[in-house]
């Protein structure tokens, strides 16, 4: 499950980066992440 953990890490960084830029779609990305 290393790939899964890595993917989660990448997604977390992506969400954090989006949050820093104050992008509204952040919640959508988070919702998709939870769905996956």
Protein backbone atom coordinates (compact mmCIF):
# COMPACT_ATOMS: atom_id res chain seq x y z
CA UNK A 1 0.00 0.00 0.00
CA UNK A 2 3.01 2.25 -0.47
CA UNK A 3 1.56 3.67 -3.68
CA UNK A 4 -1.68 4.50 -1.87
CA UNK A 5 0.18 6.35 0.87
CA UNK A 6 2.27 8.19 -1.71
CA UNK A 7 -0.87 9.17 -3.62
CA UNK A 8 -2.46 10.48 -0.42
CA UNK A 9 0.67 12.50 0.28
CA UNK A 10 0.69 14.02 -3.19
CA UNK A 11 -3.02 14.87 -2.97
CA UNK A 12 -2.48 16.42 0.47
CA UNK A 13 0.29 18.61 -0.91
CA UNK A 14 -1.90 19.54 -3.87
CA UNK A 15 -4.75 20.55 -1.57
CA UNK A 16 -2.37 22.51 0.66
CA UNK A 17 -0.92 24.31 -2.36
CA UNK A 18 -4.38 25.13 -3.67
CA UNK A 19 -5.36 26.41 -0.23
CA UNK A 20 -2.36 28.75 -0.21
CA UNK A 21 -3.57 30.21 -3.49
CA UNK A 22 -7.08 30.52 -2.02
CA UNK A 23 -8.73 28.60 -4.84
CA UNK A 24 -12.46 27.85 -4.34
CA UNK A 25 -12.27 24.40 -6.07
CA UNK A 26 -10.20 23.10 -3.13
CA UNK A 27 -13.32 21.57 -1.54
CA UNK A 28 -14.17 19.87 -4.83
CA UNK A 29 -10.71 18.31 -4.98
CA UNK A 30 -11.07 17.22 -1.36
CA UNK A 31 -14.48 15.69 -2.11
CA UNK A 32 -13.02 13.75 -5.04
CA UNK A 33 -10.14 12.57 -2.83
CA UNK A 34 -12.56 11.27 -0.21
CA UNK A 35 -14.65 9.61 -2.91
CA UNK A 36 -11.59 7.82 -4.27
